[in-house]
N, C-alpha and C. Protein backbone atom coordinates (compact mmCIF):
# COMPACT_ATOMS: atom_id res chain seq x y z
N MET A 1 13.01 2.76 16.96
CA MET A 1 13.12 4.20 17.06
C MET A 1 11.85 4.83 16.50
N VAL A 2 11.29 5.79 17.20
CA VAL A 2 10.08 6.49 16.80
C VAL A 2 10.47 7.79 16.12
N ASP A 3 9.84 8.06 14.95
CA ASP A 3 10.09 9.32 14.26
C ASP A 3 9.52 10.47 15.07
N GLN A 4 10.22 11.56 15.12
CA GLN A 4 9.76 12.75 15.80
C GLN A 4 9.38 13.79 14.75
N PHE A 5 8.24 14.45 14.94
CA PHE A 5 7.80 15.49 14.03
C PHE A 5 7.83 16.83 14.76
N THR A 6 8.26 17.85 14.07
CA THR A 6 8.23 19.18 14.65
C THR A 6 6.87 19.80 14.36
N PRO A 7 6.44 20.79 15.15
CA PRO A 7 5.13 21.40 14.93
C PRO A 7 4.95 21.95 13.52
N SER A 8 6.00 22.40 12.87
CA SER A 8 5.86 22.96 11.53
C SER A 8 5.50 21.90 10.50
N GLU A 9 5.64 20.63 10.85
CA GLU A 9 5.30 19.56 9.92
C GLU A 9 3.83 19.15 10.02
N TYR A 10 3.08 19.79 10.91
CA TYR A 10 1.68 19.45 11.07
C TYR A 10 0.82 20.44 10.31
N ILE A 11 -0.28 19.91 9.77
CA ILE A 11 -1.20 20.73 9.00
C ILE A 11 -2.56 20.64 9.65
N GLY A 12 -3.18 21.75 9.95
CA GLY A 12 -4.54 21.86 10.47
C GLY A 12 -5.04 20.74 11.35
N ASP A 13 -5.26 19.57 10.79
CA ASP A 13 -5.85 18.47 11.56
C ASP A 13 -4.80 17.65 12.30
N GLU A 14 -3.60 18.18 12.43
CA GLU A 14 -2.49 17.55 13.13
C GLU A 14 -2.01 16.26 12.47
N THR A 15 -2.23 16.16 11.16
CA THR A 15 -1.69 15.04 10.39
C THR A 15 -0.27 15.41 9.97
N PRO A 16 0.70 14.54 10.18
CA PRO A 16 2.06 14.88 9.77
C PRO A 16 2.14 15.10 8.26
N HIS A 17 2.91 16.10 7.87
CA HIS A 17 3.14 16.39 6.45
C HIS A 17 4.00 15.27 5.87
N ARG A 18 3.49 14.61 4.82
CA ARG A 18 4.24 13.54 4.18
C ARG A 18 5.12 14.10 3.09
N HIS A 19 6.32 13.62 3.04
CA HIS A 19 7.29 14.05 2.03
C HIS A 19 7.13 13.20 0.78
N TRP A 20 7.33 13.83 -0.39
CA TRP A 20 7.36 13.12 -1.66
C TRP A 20 8.47 13.72 -2.50
N SER A 21 9.27 12.87 -3.11
CA SER A 21 10.35 13.32 -3.98
C SER A 21 10.21 12.65 -5.33
N PRO A 22 10.13 13.44 -6.41
CA PRO A 22 10.02 12.85 -7.75
C PRO A 22 11.26 12.06 -8.16
N THR A 23 12.37 12.27 -7.46
CA THR A 23 13.59 11.53 -7.80
C THR A 23 13.61 10.14 -7.18
N SER A 24 12.77 9.92 -6.17
CA SER A 24 12.79 8.61 -5.52
C SER A 24 11.44 7.88 -5.55
N GLN A 25 10.38 8.58 -5.91
CA GLN A 25 9.06 7.97 -5.95
C GLN A 25 8.39 8.33 -7.27
N THR A 26 7.95 7.32 -8.02
CA THR A 26 7.34 7.56 -9.33
C THR A 26 6.05 8.35 -9.22
N TYR A 27 5.22 8.01 -8.24
CA TYR A 27 3.93 8.68 -8.07
C TYR A 27 3.80 9.23 -6.67
N ALA A 28 3.07 10.32 -6.56
CA ALA A 28 2.78 10.88 -5.24
C ALA A 28 1.44 10.34 -4.76
N PRO A 29 1.32 10.02 -3.49
CA PRO A 29 0.02 9.65 -2.96
C PRO A 29 -0.91 10.87 -2.99
N ALA A 30 -2.20 10.64 -3.08
CA ALA A 30 -3.17 11.74 -3.14
C ALA A 30 -3.08 12.63 -1.90
N ASP A 31 -2.75 12.07 -0.74
CA ASP A 31 -2.67 12.90 0.46
C ASP A 31 -1.51 13.89 0.38
N VAL A 32 -0.47 13.56 -0.37
CA VAL A 32 0.63 14.50 -0.56
C VAL A 32 0.16 15.66 -1.44
N LEU A 33 -0.59 15.37 -2.48
CA LEU A 33 -1.16 16.41 -3.33
C LEU A 33 -2.06 17.32 -2.50
N MET A 34 -2.93 16.74 -1.69
CA MET A 34 -3.82 17.54 -0.84
C MET A 34 -3.03 18.39 0.16
N SER A 35 -1.97 17.83 0.71
CA SER A 35 -1.13 18.56 1.64
C SER A 35 -0.51 19.79 0.98
N HIS A 36 -0.02 19.62 -0.24
CA HIS A 36 0.55 20.76 -0.97
C HIS A 36 -0.51 21.84 -1.18
N LEU A 37 -1.73 21.44 -1.53
CA LEU A 37 -2.79 22.41 -1.76
C LEU A 37 -3.16 23.14 -0.47
N GLN A 38 -3.07 22.46 0.66
CA GLN A 38 -3.37 23.08 1.95
C GLN A 38 -2.28 24.03 2.41
N THR A 39 -1.10 23.92 1.81
CA THR A 39 0.03 24.76 2.26
C THR A 39 0.41 25.81 1.22
N GLY A 40 -0.56 26.22 0.40
CA GLY A 40 -0.33 27.36 -0.48
C GLY A 40 -0.08 27.08 -1.94
N TRP A 41 0.07 25.84 -2.32
CA TRP A 41 0.24 25.52 -3.74
C TRP A 41 -1.14 25.57 -4.40
N ARG A 42 -1.17 25.93 -5.69
CA ARG A 42 -2.41 26.00 -6.46
C ARG A 42 -2.30 25.12 -7.69
N LEU A 43 -3.43 24.54 -8.10
CA LEU A 43 -3.46 23.71 -9.30
C LEU A 43 -3.49 24.58 -10.54
N ASP A 44 -2.68 24.22 -11.52
CA ASP A 44 -2.79 24.81 -12.85
C ASP A 44 -4.11 24.31 -13.44
N GLY A 45 -4.70 25.03 -14.36
CA GLY A 45 -5.99 24.67 -14.92
C GLY A 45 -5.98 23.50 -15.89
N LEU A 46 -4.80 22.98 -16.20
CA LEU A 46 -4.67 21.88 -17.15
C LEU A 46 -3.95 20.71 -16.50
N ALA A 47 -4.51 19.52 -16.66
CA ALA A 47 -3.88 18.30 -16.16
C ALA A 47 -3.80 17.30 -17.30
N GLY A 48 -2.86 16.38 -17.20
CA GLY A 48 -2.73 15.32 -18.20
C GLY A 48 -3.07 13.98 -17.56
N VAL A 49 -3.49 13.05 -18.39
CA VAL A 49 -3.74 11.69 -17.91
C VAL A 49 -3.10 10.72 -18.89
N GLU A 50 -2.42 9.73 -18.34
CA GLU A 50 -1.76 8.70 -19.14
C GLU A 50 -2.23 7.35 -18.64
N SER A 51 -2.59 6.48 -19.59
CA SER A 51 -3.06 5.14 -19.24
C SER A 51 -1.97 4.12 -19.49
N PHE A 52 -1.83 3.21 -18.55
CA PHE A 52 -0.90 2.10 -18.67
C PHE A 52 -1.71 0.82 -18.60
N TRP A 53 -1.39 -0.11 -19.48
CA TRP A 53 -2.11 -1.39 -19.52
C TRP A 53 -1.20 -2.49 -19.02
N HIS A 54 -1.70 -3.27 -18.08
CA HIS A 54 -0.95 -4.40 -17.54
C HIS A 54 -1.56 -5.68 -18.09
N ALA A 55 -0.74 -6.47 -18.76
CA ALA A 55 -1.17 -7.73 -19.39
C ALA A 55 -2.27 -7.48 -20.41
N GLY A 56 -2.37 -6.26 -20.91
CA GLY A 56 -3.35 -5.94 -21.93
C GLY A 56 -4.79 -5.87 -21.46
N VAL A 57 -5.03 -6.05 -20.16
CA VAL A 57 -6.42 -6.08 -19.68
C VAL A 57 -6.69 -5.16 -18.49
N ARG A 58 -5.69 -4.80 -17.74
CA ARG A 58 -5.89 -3.98 -16.55
C ARG A 58 -5.30 -2.60 -16.77
N ARG A 59 -6.17 -1.60 -16.78
CA ARG A 59 -5.72 -0.23 -17.04
C ARG A 59 -5.49 0.52 -15.73
N VAL A 60 -4.38 1.25 -15.68
CA VAL A 60 -4.07 2.13 -14.57
C VAL A 60 -3.84 3.52 -15.15
N ASP A 61 -4.56 4.51 -14.63
CA ASP A 61 -4.41 5.88 -15.09
C ASP A 61 -3.56 6.68 -14.12
N VAL A 62 -2.67 7.49 -14.68
CA VAL A 62 -1.84 8.40 -13.89
C VAL A 62 -2.19 9.82 -14.33
N TYR A 63 -2.55 10.65 -13.37
CA TYR A 63 -2.86 12.05 -13.64
C TYR A 63 -1.65 12.90 -13.30
N TYR A 64 -1.33 13.82 -14.18
CA TYR A 64 -0.19 14.72 -13.99
C TYR A 64 -0.73 16.11 -13.69
N PHE A 65 -0.48 16.57 -12.49
CA PHE A 65 -0.91 17.90 -12.07
C PHE A 65 0.29 18.83 -12.02
N THR A 66 0.09 20.07 -12.43
CA THR A 66 1.11 21.09 -12.26
C THR A 66 0.67 21.97 -11.12
N LEU A 67 1.52 22.07 -10.12
CA LEU A 67 1.25 22.90 -8.95
C LEU A 67 2.08 24.17 -9.05
N VAL A 68 1.49 25.29 -8.66
CA VAL A 68 2.15 26.59 -8.77
C VAL A 68 2.10 27.28 -7.41
N ARG A 69 3.23 27.83 -7.00
CA ARG A 69 3.30 28.66 -5.79
C ARG A 69 4.31 29.75 -6.07
N GLY A 70 3.83 30.96 -6.28
CA GLY A 70 4.72 32.06 -6.65
C GLY A 70 5.39 31.75 -7.98
N ASP A 71 6.72 31.78 -7.98
CA ASP A 71 7.48 31.47 -9.19
C ASP A 71 7.83 29.99 -9.29
N GLU A 72 7.45 29.19 -8.30
CA GLU A 72 7.76 27.76 -8.30
C GLU A 72 6.69 26.97 -9.04
N ARG A 73 7.13 25.94 -9.77
CA ARG A 73 6.23 25.01 -10.45
C ARG A 73 6.69 23.60 -10.14
N LEU A 74 5.74 22.72 -9.92
CA LEU A 74 6.03 21.34 -9.58
C LEU A 74 5.05 20.43 -10.31
N GLU A 75 5.56 19.45 -11.05
CA GLU A 75 4.69 18.47 -11.68
C GLU A 75 4.57 17.28 -10.74
N MET A 76 3.33 16.88 -10.47
CA MET A 76 3.09 15.80 -9.53
C MET A 76 2.19 14.74 -10.17
N PRO A 77 2.74 13.56 -10.47
CA PRO A 77 1.92 12.46 -10.97
C PRO A 77 1.25 11.72 -9.82
N VAL A 78 -0.05 11.46 -9.97
CA VAL A 78 -0.82 10.78 -8.93
C VAL A 78 -1.69 9.71 -9.60
N LEU A 79 -1.71 8.51 -9.01
CA LEU A 79 -2.57 7.46 -9.53
C LEU A 79 -4.04 7.86 -9.39
N ALA A 80 -4.84 7.48 -10.37
CA ALA A 80 -6.27 7.80 -10.35
C ALA A 80 -6.92 7.24 -9.09
N ASN A 81 -7.77 8.05 -8.48
CA ASN A 81 -8.51 7.63 -7.30
C ASN A 81 -9.62 8.64 -7.07
N PRO A 82 -10.54 8.36 -6.17
CA PRO A 82 -11.67 9.29 -5.95
C PRO A 82 -11.26 10.72 -5.58
N THR A 83 -10.18 10.89 -4.84
CA THR A 83 -9.71 12.22 -4.50
C THR A 83 -9.31 13.00 -5.74
N VAL A 84 -8.61 12.34 -6.64
CA VAL A 84 -8.19 12.96 -7.90
C VAL A 84 -9.41 13.37 -8.71
N PHE A 85 -10.38 12.49 -8.83
CA PHE A 85 -11.59 12.80 -9.61
C PHE A 85 -12.33 13.99 -9.01
N ARG A 86 -12.39 14.05 -7.67
CA ARG A 86 -13.07 15.16 -7.00
C ARG A 86 -12.34 16.47 -7.24
N LEU A 87 -10.99 16.47 -7.16
CA LEU A 87 -10.21 17.68 -7.40
C LEU A 87 -10.42 18.20 -8.82
N ILE A 88 -10.44 17.28 -9.77
CA ILE A 88 -10.64 17.67 -11.16
C ILE A 88 -12.01 18.32 -11.33
N GLU A 89 -13.03 17.71 -10.74
CA GLU A 89 -14.39 18.25 -10.87
C GLU A 89 -14.54 19.58 -10.14
N GLU A 90 -14.10 19.63 -8.88
CA GLU A 90 -14.27 20.85 -8.08
C GLU A 90 -13.51 22.04 -8.65
N ASN A 91 -12.35 21.77 -9.26
CA ASN A 91 -11.52 22.85 -9.80
C ASN A 91 -11.75 23.05 -11.29
N GLN A 92 -12.67 22.29 -11.86
CA GLN A 92 -13.02 22.38 -13.27
C GLN A 92 -11.77 22.38 -14.15
N LEU A 93 -10.89 21.41 -13.89
CA LEU A 93 -9.65 21.31 -14.65
C LEU A 93 -9.92 20.75 -16.04
N ASN A 94 -9.17 21.23 -17.01
CA ASN A 94 -9.17 20.63 -18.33
C ASN A 94 -8.17 19.49 -18.30
N VAL A 95 -8.58 18.31 -18.74
CA VAL A 95 -7.71 17.14 -18.72
C VAL A 95 -7.46 16.69 -20.16
N ILE A 96 -6.19 16.56 -20.49
CA ILE A 96 -5.84 16.06 -21.83
C ILE A 96 -5.20 14.68 -21.69
N ARG A 97 -5.50 13.83 -22.64
CA ARG A 97 -4.93 12.48 -22.65
C ARG A 97 -3.53 12.56 -23.25
N VAL A 98 -2.57 11.99 -22.55
CA VAL A 98 -1.18 11.97 -23.00
C VAL A 98 -0.97 10.85 -24.01
N ASN A 99 -1.64 9.73 -23.82
CA ASN A 99 -1.55 8.62 -24.77
C ASN A 99 -2.97 8.14 -25.05
N ALA A 100 -3.16 7.55 -26.21
CA ALA A 100 -4.51 7.13 -26.59
C ALA A 100 -4.60 5.68 -27.02
N SER A 101 -3.47 4.99 -27.09
CA SER A 101 -3.53 3.61 -27.59
C SER A 101 -3.44 2.61 -26.43
N ARG A 102 -4.01 1.45 -26.68
CA ARG A 102 -3.98 0.38 -25.67
C ARG A 102 -2.74 -0.46 -25.92
N GLY A 103 -1.91 -0.59 -24.88
CA GLY A 103 -0.67 -1.35 -25.01
C GLY A 103 -0.78 -2.72 -24.42
N ASP A 104 0.30 -3.49 -24.55
CA ASP A 104 0.31 -4.86 -24.00
C ASP A 104 0.86 -4.87 -22.61
């Protein structure tokens, strides 16, 4: 069975709008964050970053963005990647570290 998309699910470049739910997915893909920004959501000026250590040697950073649209607020965690770094730089976001210690 092929998924059908309605025209309202397309954004500018005809890429289907991807759904993300914080109740079923721990992290949002960067394209979901970009999609929200293209559809009227705005980044709050402050973001958080939390580091997780796997086997004590491999670090994975998760950035927490707060998105605002009117009276709505949405926290969106996204794994560190070049898109995230570019958004932080272009929007001159202040980033605070949520944790500072190296775990096992």
